[in-house]
């Protein structure tokens, strides 16, 4: 029974870490996409003003 408990705990910790890494990866991705759209919008506005 004790071995099963440790196995469950390890599995939970691995699942938790995997979830955390996925969230971190998604957050970084979203941040990069947001920055890209902001940059594109800004350059577009500047180009429009230049004409």
PDB file of N, CA and C in Angstrom:
ATOM      1  N   UNK A   1       0.831  -1.199   0.000  1.00  0.00           N
ATOM      2  CA  UNK A   1       0.000   0.000   0.000  1.00  0.00           C
ATOM      3  C   UNK A   1       0.877   1.265   0.000  1.00  0.00           C
ATOM      4  N   UNK A   2       1.927   1.236   0.792  1.00  0.00           N
ATOM      5  CA  UNK A   2       2.810   2.401   0.865  1.00  0.00           C
ATOM      6  C   UNK A   2       3.436   2.665  -0.500  1.00  0.00           C
ATOM      7  N   UNK A   3       3.865   1.608  -1.185  1.00  0.00           N
ATOM      8  CA  UNK A   3       4.459   1.784  -2.516  1.00  0.00           C
ATOM      9  C   UNK A   3       3.455   2.424  -3.469  1.00  0.00           C
ATOM     10  N   UNK A   4       2.200   1.996  -3.388  1.00  0.00           N
ATOM     11  CA  UNK A   4       1.173   2.572  -4.247  1.00  0.00           C
ATOM     12  C   UNK A   4       1.015   4.063  -3.964  1.00  0.00           C
ATOM     13  N   UNK A   5       1.033   4.429  -2.670  1.00  0.00           N
ATOM     14  CA  UNK A   5       0.896   5.840  -2.301  1.00  0.00           C
ATOM     15  C   UNK A   5       2.043   6.678  -2.869  1.00  0.00           C
ATOM     16  N   UNK A   6       3.266   6.178  -2.726  1.00  0.00           N
ATOM     17  CA  UNK A   6       4.396   6.945  -3.260  1.00  0.00           C
ATOM     18  C   UNK A   6       4.294   7.051  -4.768  1.00  0.00           C
ATOM     19  N   UNK A   7       3.837   5.972  -5.404  1.00  0.00           N
ATOM     20  CA  UNK A   7       3.687   6.008  -6.855  1.00  0.00           C
ATOM     21  C   UNK A   7       2.659   7.057  -7.243  1.00  0.00           C
ATOM     22  N   UNK A   8       1.534   7.088  -6.526  1.00  0.00           N
ATOM     23  CA  UNK A   8       0.493   8.087  -6.797  1.00  0.00           C
ATOM     24  C   UNK A   8       1.029   9.498  -6.609  1.00  0.00           C
ATOM     25  N   UNK A   9       1.787   9.692  -5.533  1.00  0.00           N
ATOM     26  CA  UNK A   9       2.332  11.020  -5.254  1.00  0.00           C
ATOM     27  C   UNK A   9       3.279  11.449  -6.375  1.00  0.00           C
ATOM     28  N   UNK A  10       4.141  10.534  -6.798  1.00  0.00           N
ATOM     29  CA  UNK A  10       5.080  10.838  -7.878  1.00  0.00           C
ATOM     30  C   UNK A  10       4.320  11.176  -9.157  1.00  0.00           C
ATOM     31  N   UNK A  11       3.293  10.384  -9.456  1.00  0.00           N
ATOM     32  CA  UNK A  11       2.502  10.625 -10.661  1.00  0.00           C
ATOM     33  C   UNK A  11       1.834  11.995 -10.596  1.00  0.00           C
ATOM     34  N   UNK A  12       1.295  12.341  -9.430  1.00  0.00           N
ATOM     35  CA  UNK A  12       0.652  13.649  -9.265  1.00  0.00           C
ATOM     36  C   UNK A  12       1.656  14.778  -9.455  1.00  0.00           C
ATOM     37  N   UNK A  13       2.837  14.619  -8.871  1.00  0.00           N
ATOM     38  CA  UNK A  13       3.852  15.663  -9.005  1.00  0.00           C
ATOM     39  C   UNK A  13       4.284  15.824 -10.455  1.00  0.00           C
ATOM     40  N   UNK A  14       4.452  14.694 -11.154  1.00  0.00           N
ATOM     41  CA  UNK A  14       4.835  14.763 -12.570  1.00  0.00           C
ATOM     42  C   UNK A  14       3.749  15.445 -13.381  1.00  0.00           C
ATOM     43  N   UNK A  15       2.497  15.094 -13.114  1.00  0.00           N
ATOM     44  CA  UNK A  15       1.378  15.694 -13.835  1.00  0.00           C
ATOM     45  C   UNK A  15       1.323  17.198 -13.562  1.00  0.00           C
ATOM     46  N   UNK A  16       1.532  17.561 -12.286  1.00  0.00           N
ATOM     47  CA  UNK A  16       1.502  18.973 -11.906  1.00  0.00           C
ATOM     48  C   UNK A  16       2.611  19.740 -12.619  1.00  0.00           C
ATOM     49  N   UNK A  17       3.813  19.164 -12.645  1.00  0.00           N
ATOM     50  CA  UNK A  17       4.941  19.832 -13.298  1.00  0.00           C
ATOM     51  C   UNK A  17       4.693  19.975 -14.797  1.00  0.00           C
ATOM     52  N   UNK A  18       4.145  18.919 -15.410  1.00  0.00           N
ATOM     53  CA  UNK A  18       3.868  18.963 -16.845  1.00  0.00           C
ATOM     54  C   UNK A  18       2.845  20.058 -17.145  1.00  0.00           C
ATOM     55  N   UNK A  19       1.820  20.150 -16.300  1.00  0.00           N
ATOM     56  CA  UNK A  19       0.795  21.179 -16.474  1.00  0.00           C
ATOM     57  C   UNK A  19       1.412  22.568 -16.341  1.00  0.00           C
ATOM     58  N   UNK A  20       2.274  22.729 -15.340  1.00  0.00           N
ATOM     59  CA  UNK A  20       2.920  24.022 -15.119  1.00  0.00           C
ATOM     60  C   UNK A  20       3.776  24.405 -16.329  1.00  0.00           C
ATOM     61  N   UNK A  21       4.564  23.452 -16.831  1.00  0.00           N
ATOM     62  CA  UNK A  21       5.414  23.732 -17.992  1.00  0.00           C
ATOM     63  C   UNK A  21       4.578  24.104 -19.211  1.00  0.00           C
ATOM     64  N   UNK A  22       3.429  23.420 -19.370  1.00  0.00           N
ATOM     65  CA  UNK A  22       2.554  23.726 -20.502  1.00  0.00           C
ATOM     66  C   UNK A  22       2.008  25.152 -20.364  1.00  0.00           C
ATOM     67  N   UNK A  23       1.585  25.504 -19.155  1.00  0.00           N
ATOM     68  CA  UNK A  23       1.057  26.851 -18.941  1.00  0.00           C
ATOM     69  C   UNK A  23       2.119  27.917 -19.199  1.00  0.00           C
ATOM     70  N   UNK A  24       3.340  27.637 -18.724  1.00  0.00           N
ATOM     71  CA  UNK A  24       4.434  28.586 -18.947  1.00  0.00           C
ATOM     72  C   UNK A  24       4.684  28.758 -20.437  1.00  0.00           C
ATOM     73  N   UNK A  25       4.713  27.617 -21.157  1.00  0.00           N
ATOM     74  CA  UNK A  25       4.963  27.663 -22.601  1.00  0.00           C
ATOM     75  C   UNK A  25       3.857  28.460 -23.297  1.00  0.00           C
ATOM     76  N   UNK A  26       2.603  28.208 -22.915  1.00  0.00           N
ATOM     77  CA  UNK A  26       1.490  28.925 -23.534  1.00  0.00           C
ATOM     78  C   UNK A  26       1.553  30.422 -23.223  1.00  0.00           C
ATOM     79  N   UNK A  27       1.937  30.749 -21.998  1.00  0.00           N
ATOM     80  CA  UNK A  27       2.028  32.156 -21.613  1.00  0.00           C
ATOM     81  C   UNK A  27       3.095  32.866 -22.437  1.00  0.00           C
ATOM     82  N   UNK A  28       4.252  32.215 -22.593  1.00  0.00           N
ATOM     83  CA  UNK A  28       5.324  32.813 -23.396  1.00  0.00           C
ATOM     84  C   UNK A  28       4.875  32.992 -24.834  1.00  0.00           C
ATOM     85  N   UNK A  29       4.193  31.973 -25.368  1.00  0.00           N
ATOM     86  CA  UNK A  29       3.705  32.041 -26.744  1.00  0.00           C
ATOM     87  C   UNK A  29       2.735  33.209 -26.908  1.00  0.00           C
ATOM     88  N   UNK A  30       1.795  33.312 -25.973  1.00  0.00           N
ATOM     89  CA  UNK A  30       0.797  34.385 -26.046  1.00  0.00           C
ATOM     90  C   UNK A  30       1.464  35.749 -25.954  1.00  0.00           C
ATOM     91  N   UNK A  31       2.456  35.858 -25.060  1.00  0.00           N
ATOM     92  CA  UNK A  31       3.173  37.120 -24.903  1.00  0.00           C
ATOM     93  C   UNK A  31       3.873  37.497 -26.200  1.00  0.00           C
ATOM     94  N   UNK A  32       4.506  36.506 -26.844  1.00  0.00           N
ATOM     95  CA  UNK A  32       5.233  36.780 -28.087  1.00  0.00           C
ATOM     96  C   UNK A  32       4.260  37.201 -29.183  1.00  0.00           C
ATOM     97  N   UNK A  33       3.124  36.518 -29.268  1.00  0.00           N
ATOM     98  CA  UNK A  33       2.138  36.868 -30.294  1.00  0.00           C
ATOM     99  C   UNK A  33       1.594  38.273 -30.042  1.00  0.00           C
ATOM    100  N   UNK A  34       1.305  38.590 -28.771  1.00  0.00           N
ATOM    101  CA  UNK A  34       0.767  39.907 -28.440  1.00  0.00           C
ATOM    102  C   UNK A  34       1.787  40.977 -28.811  1.00  0.00           C
ATOM    103  N   UNK A  35       3.052  40.731 -28.484  1.00  0.00           N
ATOM    104  CA  UNK A  35       4.085  41.718 -28.789  1.00  0.00           C
ATOM    105  C   UNK A  35       4.180  41.919 -30.296  1.00  0.00           C
ATOM    106  N   UNK A  36       4.088  40.814 -31.052  1.00  0.00           N
ATOM    107  CA  UNK A  36       4.193  40.909 -32.513  1.00  0.00           C
ATOM    108  C   UNK A  36       3.044  41.747 -33.078  1.00  0.00           C
ATOM    109  N   UNK A  37       1.817  41.515 -32.596  1.00  0.00           N
ATOM    110  CA  UNK A  37       0.680  42.271 -33.126  1.00  0.00           C
ATOM    111  C   UNK A  37       0.801  43.745 -32.757  1.00  0.00           C
ATOM    112  N   UNK A  38       1.257  44.024 -31.533  1.00  0.00           N
ATOM    113  CA  UNK A  38       1.433  45.415 -31.117  1.00  0.00           C
ATOM    114  C   UNK A  38       2.477  46.086 -31.998  1.00  0.00           C
ATOM    115  N   UNK A  39       3.586  45.393 -32.240  1.00  0.00           N
ATOM    116  CA  UNK A  39       4.648  45.947 -33.083  1.00  0.00           C
ATOM    117  C   UNK A  39       4.138  46.189 -34.503  1.00  0.00           C
ATOM    118  N   UNK A  40       3.384  45.224 -35.028  1.00  0.00           N
ATOM    119  CA  UNK A  40       2.859  45.356 -36.389  1.00  0.00           C
ATOM    120  C   UNK A  40       1.891  46.542 -36.460  1.00  0.00           C
ATOM    121  N   UNK A  41       1.039  46.667 -35.453  1.00  0.00           N
ATOM    122  CA  UNK A  41       0.078  47.761 -35.429  1.00  0.00           C
ATOM    123  C   UNK A  41       0.817  49.103 -35.366  1.00  0.00           C
ATOM    124  N   UNK A  42       1.848  49.153 -34.538  1.00  0.00           N
ATOM    125  CA  UNK A  42       2.603  50.387 -34.374  1.00  0.00           C
ATOM    126  C   UNK A  42       3.300  50.781 -35.681  1.00  0.00           C
ATOM    127  N   UNK A  43       3.963  49.826 -36.326  1.00  0.00           N
ATOM    128  CA  UNK A  43       4.664  50.142 -37.572  1.00  0.00           C
ATOM    129  C   UNK A  43       3.657  50.544 -38.649  1.00  0.00           C
ATOM    130  N   UNK A  44       2.499  49.894 -38.654  1.00  0.00           N
ATOM    131  CA  UNK A  44       1.487  50.230 -39.648  1.00  0.00           C
ATOM    132  C   UNK A  44       1.039  51.681 -39.438  1.00  0.00           C
ATOM    133  N   UNK A  45       0.826  52.050 -38.173  1.00  0.00           N
ATOM    134  CA  UNK A  45       0.385  53.404 -37.864  1.00  0.00           C
ATOM    135  C   UNK A  45       1.453  54.417 -38.280  1.00  0.00           C
ATOM    136  N   UNK A  46       2.710  54.094 -38.005  1.00  0.00           N
ATOM    137  CA  UNK A  46       3.798  54.989 -38.353  1.00  0.00           C
ATOM    138  C   UNK A  46       3.889  55.128 -39.870  1.00  0.00           C
ATOM    139  N   UNK A  47       3.751  54.008 -40.590  1.00  0.00           N
ATOM    140  CA  UNK A  47       3.840  54.044 -42.061  1.00  0.00           C
ATOM    141  C   UNK A  47       2.698  54.905 -42.624  1.00  0.00           C
ATOM    142  N   UNK A  48       1.515  54.764 -42.025  1.00  0.00           N
ATOM    143  CA  UNK A  48       0.368  55.523 -42.495  1.00  0.00           C
ATOM    144  C   UNK A  48       0.608  57.023 -42.284  1.00  0.00           C
ATOM    145  N   UNK A  49       1.182  57.362 -41.135  1.00  0.00           N
ATOM    146  CA  UNK A  49       1.455  58.757 -40.823  1.00  0.00           C
ATOM    147  C   UNK A  49       2.497  59.335 -41.765  1.00  0.00           C
ATOM    148  N   UNK A  50       3.440  58.506 -42.221  1.00  0.00           N
ATOM    149  CA  UNK A  50       4.522  58.980 -43.070  1.00  0.00           C
ATOM    150  C   UNK A  50       4.008  59.398 -44.449  1.00  0.00           C
ATOM    151  N   UNK A  51       2.926  58.758 -44.910  1.00  0.00           N
ATOM    152  CA  UNK A  51       2.433  59.076 -46.259  1.00  0.00           C
ATOM    153  C   UNK A  51       1.791  60.447 -46.345  1.00  0.00           C
TER     154      UNK A  51
END
